[in-house]
């Protein structure tokens, strides 16, 4: 028994010594030229990797750095550069057959540039389309690489702890802590993917879904579908809206793309909505159930008839937008018939409308029909508002109409029953203008034709 234990211990020591010696006995660098060539053939770009070393801890081969060249149309900087590349391999084949069977690729701490030009084309559109000259003509095999076969059966691709710079002619956005993963990789079928990132300026985004098959003629037109979650997106700091406006957005929904257009639908909530420098932020969230059709190339789209929620009050919203300019432009209509006044009072100041100090509106309904248009940093909104069947309390309206009160015998009261109160309005960065005011109250009568005034 003692002898068996000694033999077992010796075998364990021998195995440990072999494992410790493997990184010195196996020269992983001998696979480097062919690996660069194979990756270049797959991507259609020049691929450069650092020195390879065997990593028993990770069960694969690692490289100190990685560089994937840019499409020459978009400059000479790297499309992707990374500090580390982990290559998952079949260790048995590597040790006993001296064959590098690549099964997984993990790119760590990468910097990726995604660039869209003025015509709407992307710098990654040509990925995989054609091989670079260096990859099309294989380099003569050296004595070290001739007997170093490489097989690419990649099932997992991951980009971790990385930064992505999204650039178009009018804007640049940065995403940090990007983690992107493709599983069951295939070029001829849809494959599952996940993406998470921090949005520059504040906020996070997560996508989970599937993409493919890859569009070989234009990778950017690869179809995909995913569940989308956006949290705490600061619209102003992230540069999505103009100066003077503000809001923090949350979105939960889905996106479905055929590679050319994307259909986005789901629930969006905006806290602390502010429409101009001269109006306060909303004290309650604004919510909507949206249905958006977006052209991925032109960066234009439209919002189909969707539901806007202001508290429990509902309105419909529809319109078009254009994200191609330096500042996004919109043209949208909002229609909300007979919404409960009590739910809307806190939103009136957001649109530049405020009740006199101490005054309150109770009961009744409010109808709004408005149109907003123009660039987001100089948005103009105009339309009409009508209040019906409400009660104005805490404000002696009769005392403000003293001459009419004395002539008509209007009783002094802090409460006024309002049959109808209507006005047209126009609001912009310059302020709010009211016109065509109509006021009908049983205790006062009808007032109309009040000249327009700026608030």
Protein backbone atom coordinates (compact mmCIF):
# COMPACT_ATOMS: atom_id res chain seq x y z
CA UNK A 1 0.00 0.00 0.00
CA UNK A 2 2.80 2.36 0.91
CA UNK A 3 4.48 1.65 -2.41
CA UNK A 4 1.25 2.42 -4.33
CA UNK A 5 0.99 5.76 -2.54
CA UNK A 6 4.57 6.57 -3.45
CA UNK A 7 3.92 5.69 -7.10
CA UNK A 8 0.73 7.81 -7.09
CA UNK A 9 2.57 10.78 -5.58
CA UNK A 10 5.33 10.44 -8.15
CA UNK A 11 2.81 10.43 -10.98
CA UNK A 12 1.13 13.56 -9.60
CA UNK A 13 4.48 15.30 -9.37
CA UNK A 14 5.31 14.20 -12.92
CA UNK A 15 2.00 15.56 -14.26
CA UNK A 16 2.54 18.87 -12.46
CA UNK A 17 6.06 19.13 -13.87
CA UNK A 18 4.79 18.42 -17.39
CA UNK A 19 2.09 21.05 -17.05
CA UNK A 20 4.59 23.58 -15.77
CA UNK A 21 6.95 22.78 -18.62
CA UNK A 22 4.32 22.90 -21.40
CA UNK A 23 4.47 26.67 -21.94
CA UNK A 24 8.22 26.29 -22.51
CA UNK A 25 7.96 23.15 -24.65
CA UNK A 26 5.15 24.43 -26.89
CA UNK A 27 5.98 27.56 -28.86
CA UNK A 28 2.57 29.17 -29.37
CA UNK A 29 4.18 31.90 -31.45
CA UNK A 30 4.68 29.45 -34.31
CA UNK A 31 0.94 29.76 -35.01
CA UNK A 32 0.98 33.57 -35.16
CA UNK A 33 1.50 34.11 -38.95
CA UNK A 34 -1.19 31.64 -39.98
CA UNK A 35 -3.59 32.88 -37.28
CA UNK A 36 -3.24 36.48 -38.50
CA UNK A 37 -3.79 35.25 -42.06
CA UNK A 38 -6.91 33.22 -41.22
CA UNK A 39 -8.48 36.03 -39.18
CA UNK A 40 -7.68 38.47 -42.00
CA UNK A 41 -9.40 36.20 -44.51
CA UNK A 42 -12.53 35.99 -42.35
CA UNK A 43 -12.76 39.74 -41.65
CA UNK A 44 -11.50 41.10 -44.92
CA UNK A 45 -9.09 43.34 -42.99
CA UNK A 46 -5.45 43.22 -42.02
CA UNK A 47 -5.16 41.65 -38.57
CA UNK A 48 -2.10 42.05 -36.38
CA UNK A 49 -1.69 40.26 -33.06
CA UNK A 50 1.06 40.38 -30.45
CA UNK A 51 3.24 37.51 -29.33
CA UNK A 52 1.31 34.38 -28.44
CA UNK A 53 1.78 32.47 -25.23
CA UNK A 54 0.20 29.34 -23.82
CA UNK A 55 -2.04 29.98 -20.82
CA UNK A 56 -2.94 26.84 -18.89
CA UNK A 57 -5.03 28.85 -16.42
CA UNK A 58 -7.44 30.01 -19.13
CA UNK A 59 -7.06 26.83 -21.15
CA UNK A 60 -5.93 28.55 -24.29
CA UNK A 61 -3.54 30.92 -25.98
CA UNK A 62 -3.23 34.62 -25.20
CA UNK A 63 -1.84 37.60 -27.07
CA UNK A 64 -0.64 40.89 -25.61
CA UNK A 65 -2.49 43.03 -28.15
CA UNK A 66 -4.71 42.99 -31.24
CA UNK A 67 -5.26 45.39 -34.13
CA UNK A 68 -7.85 45.19 -36.92
CA UNK A 69 -7.31 47.70 -39.72
CA UNK A 70 -9.86 50.31 -40.80
CA UNK A 71 -11.62 50.49 -44.16
CA UNK A 72 -9.35 52.96 -46.05
CA UNK A 73 -12.39 55.11 -46.89
CA UNK A 74 -12.67 56.01 -43.21
CA UNK A 75 -9.03 56.76 -42.37
CA UNK A 76 -5.88 55.03 -41.23
CA UNK A 77 -6.64 54.60 -37.53
CA UNK A 78 -7.46 51.07 -36.40
CA UNK A 79 -11.06 49.90 -36.61
CA UNK A 80 -10.38 47.93 -33.43
CA UNK A 81 -7.39 47.87 -31.12
CA UNK A 82 -7.24 45.86 -27.92
CA UNK A 83 -4.82 45.28 -25.07
CA UNK A 84 -5.41 41.54 -24.89
CA UNK A 85 -6.78 38.63 -26.91
CA UNK A 86 -7.69 35.31 -25.33
CA UNK A 87 -8.01 32.39 -27.74
CA UNK A 88 -9.91 29.37 -26.50
CA UNK A 89 -8.48 26.22 -28.09
CA UNK A 90 -8.77 22.45 -27.96
CA UNK A 91 -5.93 21.78 -25.50
CA UNK A 92 -5.76 18.07 -26.34
CA UNK A 93 -5.24 18.81 -30.04
CA UNK A 94 -2.67 21.47 -29.20
CA UNK A 95 -0.61 19.22 -26.93
CA UNK A 96 -0.80 15.91 -28.76
CA UNK A 97 -1.41 16.95 -32.38
CA UNK A 98 0.30 20.35 -32.31
CA UNK A 99 -2.82 21.71 -34.02
CA UNK A 100 -4.47 25.01 -33.06
CA UNK A 101 -8.23 24.43 -33.09
CA UNK A 102 -9.74 27.82 -32.26
CA UNK A 103 -13.06 27.55 -30.43
CA UNK A 104 -13.51 30.96 -28.76
CA UNK A 105 -12.19 34.51 -29.00
CA UNK A 106 -12.28 37.02 -26.13
CA UNK A 107 -11.13 40.56 -26.90
CA UNK A 108 -10.34 42.53 -23.76
CA UNK A 109 -10.12 46.32 -23.23
CA UNK A 110 -10.77 47.19 -26.85
CA UNK A 111 -11.31 50.55 -28.50
CA UNK A 112 -13.76 50.33 -31.39
CA UNK A 113 -14.68 53.10 -33.83
CA UNK A 114 -18.09 52.82 -35.53
CA UNK A 115 -18.25 55.55 -38.18
CA UNK A 116 -21.21 56.53 -40.36
CA UNK A 117 -20.51 58.85 -43.29
CA UNK A 118 -22.71 61.55 -44.82
CA UNK A 119 -24.28 59.00 -47.21
CA UNK A 120 -25.34 56.80 -44.31
CA UNK A 121 -22.77 54.03 -44.93
CA UNK A 122 -20.81 52.48 -42.05
CA UNK A 123 -17.14 51.60 -41.73
CA UNK A 124 -18.05 48.04 -40.71
CA UNK A 125 -20.20 47.51 -43.82
CA UNK A 126 -17.22 45.91 -45.60
CA UNK A 127 -16.23 43.53 -42.79
CA UNK A 128 -15.96 40.04 -44.27
CA UNK A 129 -16.78 41.25 -47.78
CA UNK A 130 -13.30 41.04 -49.32
CA UNK A 131 -9.99 39.98 -47.95
CA UNK A 132 -7.10 42.48 -47.86
CA UNK A 133 -4.26 41.93 -50.32
CA UNK A 134 -2.06 40.43 -47.63
CA UNK A 135 -4.74 37.90 -46.76
CA UNK A 136 -5.73 37.09 -50.33
CA UNK A 137 -2.20 35.98 -51.15
CA UNK A 138 -0.94 33.70 -48.36
CA UNK A 139 2.63 34.27 -47.30
CA UNK A 140 5.02 31.39 -48.04
CA UNK A 141 5.00 28.93 -45.18
CA UNK A 142 8.08 29.03 -42.96
CA UNK A 143 9.69 26.01 -41.40
CA UNK A 144 8.04 26.97 -38.13
CA UNK A 145 4.54 27.49 -39.51
CA UNK A 146 4.29 24.84 -42.24
CA UNK A 147 3.47 22.09 -39.75
CA UNK A 148 1.25 24.26 -37.55
CA UNK A 149 -2.31 23.61 -38.78
CA UNK A 150 -5.10 25.96 -37.68
CA UNK A 151 -8.81 25.13 -37.62
CA UNK A 152 -11.41 27.86 -37.01
CA UNK A 153 -14.54 26.45 -35.34
CA UNK A 154 -15.38 29.51 -33.25
CA UNK A 155 -18.51 29.15 -31.13
CA UNK A 156 -18.05 32.16 -28.86
CA UNK A 157 -16.90 35.71 -29.55
CA UNK A 158 -16.75 38.20 -26.70
CA UNK A 159 -15.64 41.82 -26.40
CA UNK A 160 -15.23 42.80 -22.75
CA UNK A 161 -14.45 45.95 -20.73
CA UNK A 162 -14.25 47.98 -23.92
CA UNK A 163 -15.06 51.41 -25.34
CA UNK A 164 -17.05 52.12 -28.49
CA UNK A 165 -17.01 55.50 -30.24
CA UNK A 166 -20.08 56.07 -32.41
CA UNK A 167 -19.31 58.79 -34.95
CA UNK A 168 -21.33 60.50 -37.69
CA UNK A 169 -20.76 63.82 -39.50
CA UNK A 170 -22.63 65.76 -36.80
CA UNK A 171 -22.07 63.97 -33.52
CA UNK A 172 -19.82 61.69 -31.55
CA UNK A 173 -21.00 59.47 -28.72
CA UNK A 174 -19.00 57.24 -26.43
CA UNK A 175 -20.04 53.99 -24.78
CA UNK A 176 -17.88 52.56 -22.02
CA UNK A 177 -17.71 49.25 -20.13
CA UNK A 178 -19.03 47.61 -23.28
CA UNK A 179 -19.59 43.87 -23.02
CA UNK A 180 -20.68 42.17 -26.26
CA UNK A 181 -21.14 38.44 -26.71
CA UNK A 182 -22.01 36.20 -29.68
CA UNK A 183 -22.76 32.52 -29.08
CA UNK A 184 -23.16 29.56 -31.43
CA UNK A 185 -21.45 31.65 -34.10
CA UNK A 186 -22.58 31.07 -37.69
CA UNK A 187 -22.45 33.11 -40.89
CA UNK A 188 -25.50 31.39 -42.39
CA UNK A 189 -27.99 31.47 -39.49
CA UNK A 190 -29.23 33.81 -36.78
CA UNK A 191 -27.10 33.69 -33.64
CA UNK A 192 -27.88 34.84 -30.08
CA UNK A 193 -26.14 37.95 -28.80
CA UNK A 194 -26.08 40.23 -25.77
CA UNK A 195 -24.78 43.75 -25.33
CA UNK A 196 -24.45 46.00 -22.31
CA UNK A 197 -22.77 49.40 -22.00
CA UNK A 198 -22.64 52.69 -20.14
CA UNK A 199 -23.74 55.68 -22.20
CA UNK A 200 -21.46 58.70 -22.21
CA UNK A 201 -23.11 61.50 -20.23
CA UNK A 202 -25.10 59.13 -18.04
CA UNK A 203 -27.22 56.04 -18.51
CA UNK A 204 -26.98 52.36 -19.40
CA UNK A 205 -28.21 50.24 -22.30
CA UNK A 206 -28.77 46.47 -22.58
CA UNK A 207 -29.79 44.39 -25.61
CA UNK A 208 -30.50 40.68 -25.74
CA UNK A 209 -31.58 38.95 -28.93
CA UNK A 210 -30.34 37.37 -32.13
CA UNK A 211 -28.73 38.61 -35.34
CA UNK A 212 -28.17 37.08 -38.75
CA UNK A 213 -27.64 35.59 -41.17
CA UNK A 214 -24.81 38.01 -41.93
CA UNK A 215 -25.44 40.15 -45.01
CA UNK A 216 -22.27 39.40 -46.97
CA UNK A 217 -22.59 42.33 -49.37
CA UNK A 218 -23.04 44.82 -46.53
CA UNK A 219 -22.52 43.68 -42.95
CA UNK A 220 -24.40 46.75 -41.66
CA UNK A 221 -27.58 45.37 -43.28
CA UNK A 222 -27.56 42.18 -41.21
CA UNK A 223 -31.08 41.67 -39.74
CA UNK A 224 -31.51 41.49 -35.99
CA UNK A 225 -34.11 41.52 -33.25
CA UNK A 226 -33.66 42.21 -29.56
CA UNK A 227 -35.16 43.25 -26.27
CA UNK A 228 -33.92 46.72 -25.33
CA UNK A 229 -33.55 48.27 -21.89
CA UNK A 230 -32.28 51.82 -21.34
CA UNK A 231 -31.98 53.25 -17.83
CA UNK A 232 -31.16 56.69 -16.42
CA UNK A 233 -30.27 58.23 -19.79
CA UNK A 234 -29.56 61.93 -19.22
CA UNK A 235 -30.82 63.36 -22.52
CA UNK A 236 -29.04 66.71 -22.15
CA UNK A 237 -25.63 65.47 -20.96
CA UNK A 238 -25.64 62.69 -23.53
CA UNK A 239 -26.27 65.26 -26.28
CA UNK A 240 -29.63 63.97 -27.52
CA UNK A 241 -31.46 67.28 -27.00
CA UNK A 242 -30.55 70.94 -27.27
CA UNK A 243 -29.57 73.60 -24.77
CA UNK A 244 -32.20 74.54 -22.22
CA UNK A 245 -33.98 71.21 -22.49
CA UNK A 246 -33.55 68.33 -20.05
CA UNK A 247 -34.92 64.96 -19.02
CA UNK A 248 -33.90 61.52 -17.77
CA UNK A 249 -35.18 58.68 -19.95
CA UNK A 250 -36.03 55.06 -19.25
CA UNK A 251 -37.08 52.65 -22.01
CA UNK A 252 -38.16 49.04 -22.03
CA UNK A 253 -39.18 47.47 -25.32
CA UNK A 254 -38.05 45.66 -28.43
CA UNK A 255 -36.43 46.34 -31.80
CA UNK A 256 -36.82 44.35 -35.00
CA UNK A 257 -34.72 45.18 -38.05
CA UNK A 258 -34.57 43.82 -41.59
CA UNK A 259 -31.15 45.44 -41.97
CA UNK A 260 -32.48 48.61 -43.60
CA UNK A 261 -35.21 49.81 -41.25
CA UNK A 262 -35.75 49.16 -37.57
CA UNK A 263 -39.14 48.95 -35.85
CA UNK A 264 -38.86 50.04 -32.22
CA UNK A 265 -41.73 49.67 -29.78
CA UNK A 266 -42.09 49.82 -26.04
CA UNK A 267 -42.69 51.95 -22.97
CA UNK A 268 -40.69 55.13 -22.36
CA UNK A 269 -40.65 57.31 -19.27
CA UNK A 270 -39.02 60.74 -18.97
CA UNK A 271 -38.42 62.23 -15.52
CA UNK A 272 -37.73 65.94 -14.93
CA UNK A 273 -38.81 66.89 -18.46
CA UNK A 274 -37.85 70.46 -19.35
CA UNK A 275 -38.79 71.99 -22.72
CA UNK A 276 -36.97 75.34 -22.57
CA UNK A 277 -34.70 77.49 -20.44
CA UNK A 278 -37.65 79.63 -19.37
CA UNK A 279 -39.94 76.86 -18.15
CA UNK A 280 -39.52 74.61 -15.09
CA UNK A 281 -38.98 70.86 -15.18
CA UNK A 282 -41.98 68.58 -14.74
CA UNK A 283 -42.49 67.39 -11.18
CA UNK A 284 -44.03 64.13 -12.40
CA UNK A 285 -42.82 61.69 -15.08
CA UNK A 286 -44.11 61.79 -18.64
CA UNK A 287 -44.73 58.33 -20.11
CA UNK A 288 -45.54 56.99 -23.54
CA UNK A 289 -46.10 53.73 -25.38
CA UNK A 290 -44.24 54.30 -28.63
CA UNK A 291 -44.13 52.65 -32.05
CA UNK A 292 -41.24 54.01 -34.14
CA UNK A 293 -40.04 53.13 -37.65
CA UNK A 294 -36.41 54.21 -38.16
CA UNK A 295 -34.36 54.24 -41.39
CA UNK A 296 -30.90 53.03 -40.37
CA UNK A 297 -29.14 54.72 -43.30
CA UNK A 298 -30.83 58.12 -43.49
CA UNK A 299 -31.37 58.32 -39.70
CA UNK A 300 -34.91 59.53 -40.24
CA UNK A 301 -38.08 58.01 -38.98
CA UNK A 302 -41.64 58.43 -37.86
CA UNK A 303 -43.62 57.84 -34.72
CA UNK A 304 -46.87 56.07 -35.49
CA UNK A 305 -49.96 57.01 -33.53
CA UNK A 306 -48.75 56.34 -29.99
CA UNK A 307 -50.09 56.93 -26.50
CA UNK A 308 -48.72 59.73 -24.32
CA UNK A 309 -49.39 59.51 -20.58
CA UNK A 310 -49.46 62.55 -18.29
CA UNK A 311 -50.36 60.94 -15.00
CA UNK A 312 -53.54 58.99 -15.73
CA UNK A 313 -54.47 61.35 -18.58
CA UNK A 314 -53.94 59.99 -22.11
CA UNK A 315 -53.19 61.72 -25.39
CA UNK A 316 -52.07 60.52 -28.79
CA UNK A 317 -48.78 61.55 -30.37
CA UNK A 318 -47.54 61.09 -33.94
CA UNK A 319 -44.96 62.67 -36.20
CA UNK A 320 -41.60 62.54 -37.93
CA UNK A 321 -37.99 63.16 -36.89
CA UNK A 322 -34.60 63.61 -38.50
CA UNK A 323 -31.40 62.74 -36.65
CA UNK A 324 -29.08 63.40 -39.60
CA UNK A 325 -28.38 67.06 -38.76
CA UNK A 326 -26.17 68.51 -36.07
CA UNK A 327 -29.30 68.95 -33.96
CA UNK A 328 -32.25 66.58 -34.24
CA UNK A 329 -35.42 68.05 -35.76
CA UNK A 330 -39.00 66.94 -35.14
CA UNK A 331 -42.49 67.55 -36.41
CA UNK A 332 -45.09 66.07 -34.10
CA UNK A 333 -48.73 66.47 -33.12
CA UNK A 334 -50.35 65.82 -29.75
CA UNK A 335 -54.08 65.41 -29.33
CA UNK A 336 -55.66 64.87 -25.95
CA UNK A 337 -59.45 65.24 -25.74
CA UNK A 338 -61.20 65.75 -22.39
CA UNK A 339 -58.39 64.73 -20.07
CA UNK A 340 -59.00 65.08 -16.30
CA UNK A 341 -57.75 68.50 -15.16
CA UNK A 342 -56.51 67.20 -11.82
CA UNK A 343 -53.91 65.02 -13.59
CA UNK A 344 -52.58 67.83 -15.75
CA UNK A 345 -52.11 70.74 -13.36
CA UNK A 346 -48.52 69.81 -12.52
CA UNK A 347 -47.64 69.73 -16.24
CA UNK A 348 -48.99 73.19 -17.16
CA UNK A 349 -45.82 75.08 -16.08
CA UNK A 350 -43.74 72.83 -18.36
CA UNK A 351 -45.59 74.36 -21.32
CA UNK A 352 -45.25 77.89 -19.95
CA UNK A 353 -48.74 78.09 -18.41
CA UNK A 354 -49.26 78.81 -14.72
CA UNK A 355 -52.24 79.60 -12.52
CA UNK A 356 -52.20 82.72 -10.33
CA UNK A 357 -50.55 82.27 -6.93
CA UNK A 358 -52.85 80.40 -4.56
CA UNK A 359 -55.32 79.46 -7.28
CA UNK A 360 -56.42 75.88 -7.91
CA UNK A 361 -58.46 74.14 -10.58
CA UNK A 362 -60.78 71.39 -9.43
CA UNK A 363 -62.72 68.91 -11.52
CA UNK A 364 -63.49 69.31 -15.18
CA UNK A 365 -61.63 68.27 -18.29
CA UNK A 366 -58.86 69.73 -20.40
CA UNK A 367 -58.47 69.20 -24.15
CA UNK A 368 -55.26 69.97 -26.02
CA UNK A 369 -54.40 69.94 -29.70
CA UNK A 370 -50.80 70.99 -30.36
CA UNK A 371 -48.03 70.78 -32.94
CA UNK A 372 -44.29 70.93 -32.21
CA UNK A 373 -41.71 71.48 -34.92
CA UNK A 374 -38.14 72.57 -35.51
CA UNK A 375 -34.71 71.70 -34.13
CA UNK A 376 -34.66 70.35 -30.61
CA UNK A 377 -32.63 73.30 -29.31
CA UNK A 378 -35.19 75.80 -30.67
CA UNK A 379 -38.43 73.85 -30.60
CA UNK A 380 -41.66 75.74 -31.27
CA UNK A 381 -45.01 74.46 -30.05
CA UNK A 382 -48.40 75.91 -30.88
CA UNK A 383 -51.98 74.82 -30.54
CA UNK A 384 -55.10 75.22 -28.46
CA UNK A 385 -56.19 74.37 -24.92
CA UNK A 386 -59.74 74.15 -23.61
CA UNK A 387 -60.97 73.63 -20.05
CA UNK A 388 -64.58 72.64 -19.46
CA UNK A 389 -66.70 72.08 -16.35
CA UNK A 390 -63.99 73.06 -13.86
CA UNK A 391 -63.95 75.13 -10.68
CA UNK A 392 -61.38 77.85 -9.96
CA UNK A 393 -60.77 78.20 -6.21
CA UNK A 394 -58.47 80.36 -4.12
CA UNK A 395 -58.72 83.27 -6.55
CA UNK A 396 -61.28 86.10 -6.61
CA UNK A 397 -61.74 86.52 -10.34
CA UNK A 398 -64.49 89.09 -9.86
CA UNK A 399 -62.14 91.45 -8.01
CA UNK A 400 -59.84 91.46 -11.04
CA UNK A 401 -62.76 92.64 -13.17
CA UNK A 402 -63.92 95.38 -10.80
CA UNK A 403 -65.60 97.60 -13.36
CA UNK A 404 -67.52 94.70 -14.87
CA UNK A 405 -68.30 93.46 -11.37
CA UNK A 406 -69.86 96.77 -10.33
CA UNK A 407 -71.90 97.07 -13.54
CA UNK A 408 -73.08 93.49 -13.66
CA UNK A 409 -73.41 92.91 -9.94
CA UNK A 410 -71.00 89.99 -9.93
CA UNK A 411 -70.73 88.64 -6.37
CA UNK A 412 -67.33 88.60 -4.67
CA UNK A 413 -66.18 85.00 -4.27
CA UNK A 414 -62.97 83.00 -4.14
CA UNK A 415 -64.66 80.28 -6.20
CA UNK A 416 -65.66 80.55 -9.85
CA UNK A 417 -67.51 77.91 -11.81
CA UNK A 418 -65.94 77.69 -15.28
CA UNK A 419 -68.12 76.48 -18.10
CA UNK A 420 -65.45 77.02 -20.76
CA UNK A 421 -61.95 78.51 -20.75
CA UNK A 422 -60.05 78.28 -24.02
CA UNK A 423 -57.04 79.85 -25.64
CA UNK A 424 -54.59 79.39 -28.46
CA UNK A 425 -50.93 79.37 -27.48
CA UNK A 426 -47.45 79.41 -28.95
CA UNK A 427 -44.35 78.60 -26.92
CA UNK A 428 -40.65 78.72 -27.81
CA UNK A 429 -37.34 79.71 -26.28
CA UNK A 430 -38.59 83.33 -26.41
CA UNK A 431 -41.55 82.56 -24.14
CA UNK A 432 -45.26 81.78 -24.42
CA UNK A 433 -47.91 83.78 -26.25
CA UNK A 434 -51.67 83.42 -25.57
CA UNK A 435 -54.32 84.61 -28.05
CA UNK A 436 -58.02 84.25 -28.91
CA UNK A 437 -58.89 83.79 -25.26
CA UNK A 438 -62.45 82.74 -24.45
CA UNK A 439 -63.80 82.60 -20.89
CA UNK A 440 -67.37 81.58 -20.06
CA UNK A 441 -68.54 81.41 -16.43
CA UNK A 442 -72.20 81.46 -15.25
CA UNK A 443 -71.47 84.06 -12.55
CA UNK A 444 -69.58 86.38 -14.89
CA UNK A 445 -70.78 85.74 -18.40
CA UNK A 446 -68.59 85.54 -21.48
CA UNK A 447 -65.25 87.24 -22.03
CA UNK A 448 -63.53 86.96 -25.38
CA UNK A 449 -61.30 88.75 -27.84
CA UNK A 450 -58.54 89.45 -25.31
CA UNK A 451 -55.44 90.69 -27.18
CA UNK A 452 -52.51 88.31 -27.37
CA UNK A 453 -49.94 88.53 -24.59
CA UNK A 454 -46.51 87.04 -23.95
CA UNK A 455 -45.95 85.19 -20.70
